[in-house]
Amino acid sequence: MRHNILRAGSLIGAAGAALVLAGSGLAIASSSAAAKITGPEVLSGSVRGKAALANDPHIPLAIVGAVVTTDRGFVLGNTPANKPHTVTTPVGKLTVKPIGKQAQTSSVDPRTCRASFALRQKFTFDPGLSTGKFAGATGPGAYQLSFTATVPRYTSGKNKGQCNPNGNPLAKGAVASFLVAGVITVSQ
């Protein structure tokens, strides 16, 4: 991320759509085998400054909803967009399987040189790879990775004074954030 904010790794989907789905509320269903709980699940976190500029940012996550926990070991990496992604928490592993293609947006404000980048992708919770309190997790969701920072201006040449989107972003004001939202069903 540090050397070119307009090209980033993998992950991420349209969290807003999943938040709308998740807004439907918490429903509890029981069966003769085991009680199930269905409700929203949101994972979120962000880092600022130099931590946001790392090649693979470490982003502590707060996890709330049907299962409440944290993840202090989450690192954005270069997992291929079509491969499952796993978050390891103290209460189990939560794995998601991407659906479709990632959507990517990027822009640079020519007045302020504030650059922004986002990746979004829909997913389903993977019941076979999720463990612990997340065991058997099912349901839809979406995730988004976003990054904003100020890029330097060209100091010479034909582009002098213009924003240099390929230059090293400034640490001051840099933010990398991760948001996951979905509707999850897990056993209680």
C-alpha atoms as a PDB file:
ATOM      1  CA  MET A   1       0.000   0.000   0.000  1.00  0.00           C
ATOM      2  CA  ARG A   2       2.807   2.336   0.788  1.00  0.00           C
ATOM      3  CA  HIS A   3       4.194   2.801  -2.703  1.00  0.00           C
ATOM      4  CA  ASN A   4       1.035   2.857  -4.749  1.00  0.00           C
ATOM      5  CA  ILE A   5      -2.282   3.422  -3.023  1.00  0.00           C
ATOM      6  CA  LEU A   6      -4.173   3.081  -6.267  1.00  0.00           C
ATOM      7  CA  ARG A   7      -3.258  -0.635  -6.484  1.00  0.00           C
ATOM      8  CA  ALA A   8      -4.133  -2.744  -3.448  1.00  0.00           C
ATOM      9  CA  GLY A   9      -4.355  -6.351  -2.360  1.00  0.00           C
ATOM     10  CA  SER A  10      -7.479  -8.384  -2.047  1.00  0.00           C
ATOM     11  CA  LEU A  11     -10.547  -8.729   0.133  1.00  0.00           C
ATOM     12  CA  ILE A  12     -13.520  -6.496   0.492  1.00  0.00           C
ATOM     13  CA  GLY A  13     -17.145  -5.933  -0.549  1.00  0.00           C
ATOM     14  CA  ALA A  14     -20.174  -3.700  -0.325  1.00  0.00           C
ATOM     15  CA  ALA A  15     -20.675  -3.481   3.442  1.00  0.00           C
ATOM     16  CA  GLY A  16     -23.523  -1.015   3.083  1.00  0.00           C
ATOM     17  CA  ALA A  17     -25.749  -3.608   1.410  1.00  0.00           C
ATOM     18  CA  ALA A  18     -25.092  -6.093   4.201  1.00  0.00           C
ATOM     19  CA  LEU A  19     -25.838  -3.443   6.840  1.00  0.00           C
ATOM     20  CA  VAL A  20     -29.273  -2.982   5.276  1.00  0.00           C
ATOM     21  CA  LEU A  21     -29.813  -6.754   5.455  1.00  0.00           C
ATOM     22  CA  ALA A  22     -28.475  -6.846   8.999  1.00  0.00           C
ATOM     23  CA  GLY A  23     -30.825  -4.053  10.034  1.00  0.00           C
ATOM     24  CA  SER A  24     -33.733  -6.470   9.864  1.00  0.00           C
ATOM     25  CA  GLY A  25     -33.024  -7.326  13.500  1.00  0.00           C
ATOM     26  CA  LEU A  26     -32.209 -10.363  15.599  1.00  0.00           C
ATOM     27  CA  ALA A  27     -34.252 -13.531  15.211  1.00  0.00           C
ATOM     28  CA  ILE A  28     -33.922 -16.634  17.341  1.00  0.00           C
ATOM     29  CA  ALA A  29     -35.068 -19.985  16.003  1.00  0.00           C
ATOM     30  CA  SER A  30     -35.002 -23.300  17.799  1.00  0.00           C
ATOM     31  CA  SER A  31     -35.046 -26.845  16.538  1.00  0.00           C
ATOM     32  CA  SER A  32     -35.090 -30.199  18.233  1.00  0.00           C
ATOM     33  CA  ALA A  33     -31.327 -30.589  17.632  1.00  0.00           C
ATOM     34  CA  ALA A  34     -29.772 -27.276  18.627  1.00  0.00           C
ATOM     35  CA  ALA A  35     -30.868 -23.691  19.093  1.00  0.00           C
ATOM     36  CA  LYS A  36     -29.782 -21.344  16.320  1.00  0.00           C
ATOM     37  CA  ILE A  37     -29.426 -17.597  16.455  1.00  0.00           C
ATOM     38  CA  THR A  38     -29.658 -15.338  13.412  1.00  0.00           C
ATOM     39  CA  GLY A  39     -28.695 -11.703  13.464  1.00  0.00           C
ATOM     40  CA  PRO A  40     -26.296  -9.043  12.281  1.00  0.00           C
ATOM     41  CA  GLU A  41     -22.540  -9.565  12.542  1.00  0.00           C
ATOM     42  CA  VAL A  42     -20.207  -6.591  12.063  1.00  0.00           C
ATOM     43  CA  LEU A  43     -16.398  -6.626  12.093  1.00  0.00           C
ATOM     44  CA  SER A  44     -14.674  -3.259  11.968  1.00  0.00           C
ATOM     45  CA  GLY A  45     -11.351  -1.618  12.613  1.00  0.00           C
ATOM     46  CA  SER A  46      -8.957   1.031  11.397  1.00  0.00           C
ATOM     47  CA  VAL A  47      -5.392   2.211  11.810  1.00  0.00           C
ATOM     48  CA  ARG A  48      -3.871   5.632  11.205  1.00  0.00           C
ATOM     49  CA  GLY A  49      -0.567   7.195  10.319  1.00  0.00           C
ATOM     50  CA  LYS A  50       2.455   4.979   9.676  1.00  0.00           C
ATOM     51  CA  ALA A  51       0.465   1.846  10.573  1.00  0.00           C
ATOM     52  CA  ALA A  52      -1.930   2.593   7.699  1.00  0.00           C
ATOM     53  CA  LEU A  53       0.981   2.814   5.250  1.00  0.00           C
ATOM     54  CA  ALA A  54       2.401  -0.636   6.014  1.00  0.00           C
ATOM     55  CA  ASN A  55       2.502  -3.058   3.084  1.00  0.00           C
ATOM     56  CA  ASP A  56       0.277  -5.457   5.050  1.00  0.00           C
ATOM     57  CA  PRO A  57      -1.500  -3.320   7.697  1.00  0.00           C
ATOM     58  CA  HIS A  58      -2.307  -4.933  11.045  1.00  0.00           C
ATOM     59  CA  ILE A  59      -5.865  -3.823  11.925  1.00  0.00           C
ATOM     60  CA  PRO A  60      -7.340  -4.777  15.326  1.00  0.00           C
ATOM     61  CA  LEU A  61     -11.019  -5.684  14.831  1.00  0.00           C
ATOM     62  CA  ALA A  62     -14.058  -5.267  17.051  1.00  0.00           C
ATOM     63  CA  ILE A  63     -16.673  -7.938  16.322  1.00  0.00           C
ATOM     64  CA  VAL A  64     -20.272  -7.372  17.439  1.00  0.00           C
ATOM     65  CA  GLY A  65     -23.615  -8.994  16.734  1.00  0.00           C
ATOM     66  CA  ALA A  66     -24.673 -12.594  17.203  1.00  0.00           C
ATOM     67  CA  VAL A  67     -21.115 -13.363  18.388  1.00  0.00           C
ATOM     68  CA  VAL A  68     -19.174 -10.680  20.280  1.00  0.00           C
ATOM     69  CA  THR A  69     -15.371 -10.903  20.320  1.00  0.00           C
ATOM     70  CA  THR A  70     -12.205  -9.248  19.001  1.00  0.00           C
ATOM     71  CA  ASP A  71      -9.334 -10.070  16.705  1.00  0.00           C
ATOM     72  CA  ARG A  72      -5.966  -8.514  17.467  1.00  0.00           C
ATOM     73  CA  GLY A  73      -4.065 -10.499  14.809  1.00  0.00           C
ATOM     74  CA  PHE A  74      -5.885  -9.475  11.615  1.00  0.00           C
ATOM     75  CA  VAL A  75      -3.512  -8.418   8.832  1.00  0.00           C
ATOM     76  CA  LEU A  76      -4.570  -7.245   5.399  1.00  0.00           C
ATOM     77  CA  GLY A  77      -2.651  -9.370   2.960  1.00  0.00           C
ATOM     78  CA  ASN A  78      -2.610 -10.458  -0.610  1.00  0.00           C
ATOM     79  CA  THR A  79      -5.042 -13.373  -0.421  1.00  0.00           C
ATOM     80  CA  PRO A  80      -6.541 -13.868  -3.886  1.00  0.00           C
ATOM     81  CA  ALA A  81      -9.993 -12.294  -4.223  1.00  0.00           C
ATOM     82  CA  ASN A  82     -11.655 -15.623  -5.066  1.00  0.00           C
ATOM     83  CA  LYS A  83     -10.242 -17.576  -2.077  1.00  0.00           C
ATOM     84  CA  PRO A  84     -11.811 -17.919   1.402  1.00  0.00           C
ATOM     85  CA  HIS A  85     -10.685 -15.427   4.049  1.00  0.00           C
ATOM     86  CA  THR A  86     -10.463 -16.336   7.760  1.00  0.00           C
ATOM     87  CA  VAL A  87     -10.450 -14.161  10.875  1.00  0.00           C
ATOM     88  CA  THR A  88      -9.075 -15.928  13.963  1.00  0.00           C
ATOM     89  CA  THR A  89     -10.606 -14.797  17.270  1.00  0.00           C
ATOM     90  CA  PRO A  90     -10.395 -16.018  20.878  1.00  0.00           C
ATOM     91  CA  VAL A  91     -13.795 -17.750  20.421  1.00  0.00           C
ATOM     92  CA  GLY A  92     -13.171 -19.412  17.056  1.00  0.00           C
ATOM     93  CA  LYS A  93     -12.435 -18.859  13.389  1.00  0.00           C
ATOM     94  CA  LEU A  94     -14.847 -17.071  11.075  1.00  0.00           C
ATOM     95  CA  THR A  95     -14.362 -17.831   7.386  1.00  0.00           C
ATOM     96  CA  VAL A  96     -16.045 -16.152   4.437  1.00  0.00           C
ATOM     97  CA  LYS A  97     -16.219 -17.270   0.808  1.00  0.00           C
ATOM     98  CA  PRO A  98     -16.193 -14.411  -1.753  1.00  0.00           C
ATOM     99  CA  ILE A  99     -19.005 -14.210  -4.319  1.00  0.00           C
ATOM    100  CA  GLY A 100     -18.521 -12.607  -7.724  1.00  0.00           C
ATOM    101  CA  LYS A 101     -15.919  -9.997  -8.553  1.00  0.00           C
ATOM    102  CA  GLN A 102     -14.432  -7.273  -6.404  1.00  0.00           C
ATOM    103  CA  ALA A 103     -15.502  -3.714  -7.100  1.00  0.00           C
ATOM    104  CA  GLN A 104     -12.724  -1.150  -6.900  1.00  0.00           C
ATOM    105  CA  THR A 105     -12.861   2.634  -6.775  1.00  0.00           C
ATOM    106  CA  SER A 106     -10.078   5.187  -6.506  1.00  0.00           C
ATOM    107  CA  SER A 107      -9.749   8.924  -6.792  1.00  0.00           C
ATOM    108  CA  VAL A 108      -7.378  11.802  -6.127  1.00  0.00           C
ATOM    109  CA  ASP A 109      -8.685  15.295  -5.346  1.00  0.00           C
ATOM    110  CA  PRO A 110      -6.527  17.579  -7.545  1.00  0.00           C
ATOM    111  CA  ARG A 111      -6.905  20.517  -5.127  1.00  0.00           C
ATOM    112  CA  THR A 112      -5.852  18.763  -1.910  1.00  0.00           C
ATOM    113  CA  CYS A 113      -4.019  15.665  -3.264  1.00  0.00           C
ATOM    114  CA  ARG A 114      -6.169  13.568  -0.926  1.00  0.00           C
ATOM    115  CA  ALA A 115      -6.283  10.103  -2.456  1.00  0.00           C
ATOM    116  CA  SER A 116      -8.836   7.429  -1.645  1.00  0.00           C
ATOM    117  CA  PHE A 117      -9.112   3.786  -2.600  1.00  0.00           C
ATOM    118  CA  ALA A 118     -11.741   1.149  -1.789  1.00  0.00           C
ATOM    119  CA  LEU A 119     -12.284  -2.528  -2.551  1.00  0.00           C
ATOM    120  CA  ARG A 120     -15.699  -4.133  -2.006  1.00  0.00           C
ATOM    121  CA  GLN A 121     -16.967  -7.683  -2.360  1.00  0.00           C
ATOM    122  CA  LYS A 122     -19.973  -9.795  -1.374  1.00  0.00           C
ATOM    123  CA  PHE A 123     -19.503 -13.105   0.458  1.00  0.00           C
ATOM    124  CA  THR A 124     -21.204 -15.944   2.300  1.00  0.00           C
ATOM    125  CA  PHE A 125     -20.128 -17.237   5.701  1.00  0.00           C
ATOM    126  CA  ASP A 126     -18.466 -20.649   5.236  1.00  0.00           C
ATOM    127  CA  PRO A 127     -20.000 -23.209   7.637  1.00  0.00           C
ATOM    128  CA  GLY A 128     -17.373 -25.866   6.906  1.00  0.00           C
ATOM    129  CA  LEU A 129     -14.345 -23.697   7.728  1.00  0.00           C
ATOM    130  CA  SER A 130     -15.761 -21.629  10.622  1.00  0.00           C
ATOM    131  CA  THR A 131     -15.067 -22.995  14.135  1.00  0.00           C
ATOM    132  CA  GLY A 132     -15.868 -22.448  17.835  1.00  0.00           C
ATOM    133  CA  LYS A 133     -18.766 -20.043  18.410  1.00  0.00           C
ATOM    134  CA  PHE A 134     -18.768 -19.453  14.637  1.00  0.00           C
ATOM    135  CA  ALA A 135     -19.067 -23.200  13.816  1.00  0.00           C
ATOM    136  CA  GLY A 136     -21.604 -23.843  11.088  1.00  0.00           C
ATOM    137  CA  ALA A 137     -21.954 -20.102  10.349  1.00  0.00           C
ATOM    138  CA  THR A 138     -24.146 -19.343   7.337  1.00  0.00           C
ATOM    139  CA  GLY A 139     -25.546 -16.202   5.752  1.00  0.00           C
ATOM    140  CA  PRO A 140     -24.768 -13.383   3.333  1.00  0.00           C
ATOM    141  CA  GLY A 141     -22.569 -10.342   3.776  1.00  0.00           C
ATOM    142  CA  ALA A 142     -20.140  -7.930   2.207  1.00  0.00           C
ATOM    143  CA  TYR A 143     -16.826  -6.364   3.094  1.00  0.00           C
ATOM    144  CA  GLN A 144     -14.905  -3.206   2.278  1.00  0.00           C
ATOM    145  CA  LEU A 145     -11.310  -2.133   2.596  1.00  0.00           C
ATOM    146  CA  SER A 146     -10.720   1.592   2.321  1.00  0.00           C
ATOM    147  CA  PHE A 147      -7.567   3.667   2.352  1.00  0.00           C
ATOM    148  CA  THR A 148      -7.130   7.433   2.315  1.00  0.00           C
ATOM    149  CA  ALA A 149      -3.979   9.527   2.458  1.00  0.00           C
ATOM    150  CA  THR A 150      -2.462  12.655   1.034  1.00  0.00           C
ATOM    151  CA  VAL A 151      -0.046  12.075  -1.842  1.00  0.00           C
ATOM    152  CA  PRO A 152       2.836  14.441  -2.659  1.00  0.00           C
ATOM    153  CA  ARG A 153       2.908  16.878  -5.568  1.00  0.00           C
ATOM    154  CA  TYR A 154       5.396  16.707  -8.412  1.00  0.00           C
ATOM    155  CA  THR A 155       8.238  19.153  -7.666  1.00  0.00           C
ATOM    156  CA  SER A 156       9.584  19.409 -11.216  1.00  0.00           C
ATOM    157  CA  GLY A 157       8.904  18.499 -14.824  1.00  0.00           C
ATOM    158  CA  LYS A 158       5.805  18.936 -16.945  1.00  0.00           C
ATOM    159  CA  ASN A 159       3.525  17.859 -14.040  1.00  0.00           C
ATOM    160  CA  LYS A 160       5.068  20.252 -11.477  1.00  0.00           C
ATOM    161  CA  GLY A 161       2.496  21.171  -8.849  1.00  0.00           C
ATOM    162  CA  GLN A 162       0.107  18.348  -9.751  1.00  0.00           C
ATOM    163  CA  CYS A 163      -0.656  15.423  -7.450  1.00  0.00           C
ATOM    164  CA  ASN A 164       1.605  12.391  -7.819  1.00  0.00           C
ATOM    165  CA  PRO A 165      -0.624   9.339  -7.158  1.00  0.00           C
ATOM    166  CA  ASN A 166       2.422   7.046  -7.477  1.00  0.00           C
ATOM    167  CA  GLY A 167       4.437   8.932  -4.849  1.00  0.00           C
ATOM    168  CA  ASN A 168       4.773   7.772  -1.240  1.00  0.00           C
ATOM    169  CA  PRO A 169       1.657   8.886   0.676  1.00  0.00           C
ATOM    170  CA  LEU A 170       2.168  11.045   3.762  1.00  0.00           C
ATOM    171  CA  ALA A 171       1.758   9.309   7.125  1.00  0.00           C
ATOM    172  CA  LYS A 172      -0.033  12.298   8.639  1.00  0.00           C
ATOM    173  CA  GLY A 173      -3.731  11.786   7.964  1.00  0.00           C
ATOM    174  CA  ALA A 174      -3.386   8.302   6.420  1.00  0.00           C
ATOM    175  CA  VAL A 175      -6.194   5.883   7.356  1.00  0.00           C
ATOM    176  CA  ALA A 176      -6.705   2.210   6.468  1.00  0.00           C
ATOM    177  CA  SER A 177     -10.034   0.719   7.528  1.00  0.00           C
ATOM    178  CA  PHE A 178     -11.807  -2.607   7.223  1.00  0.00           C
ATOM    179  CA  LEU A 179     -15.558  -3.215   7.547  1.00  0.00           C
ATOM    180  CA  VAL A 180     -17.472  -6.472   7.292  1.00  0.00           C
ATOM    181  CA  ALA A 181     -21.248  -6.678   7.700  1.00  0.00           C
ATOM    182  CA  GLY A 182     -23.547  -9.618   7.292  1.00  0.00           C
ATOM    183  CA  VAL A 183     -26.481 -11.599   8.579  1.00  0.00           C
ATOM    184  CA  ILE A 184     -25.164 -14.691  10.323  1.00  0.00           C
ATOM    185  CA  THR A 185     -26.801 -17.849  11.625  1.00  0.00           C
ATOM    186  CA  VAL A 186     -24.862 -19.832  14.247  1.00  0.00           C
ATOM    187  CA  SER A 187     -25.684 -22.528  16.817  1.00  0.00           C
ATOM    188  CA  GLN A 188     -26.025 -21.350  20.378  1.00  0.00           C
END
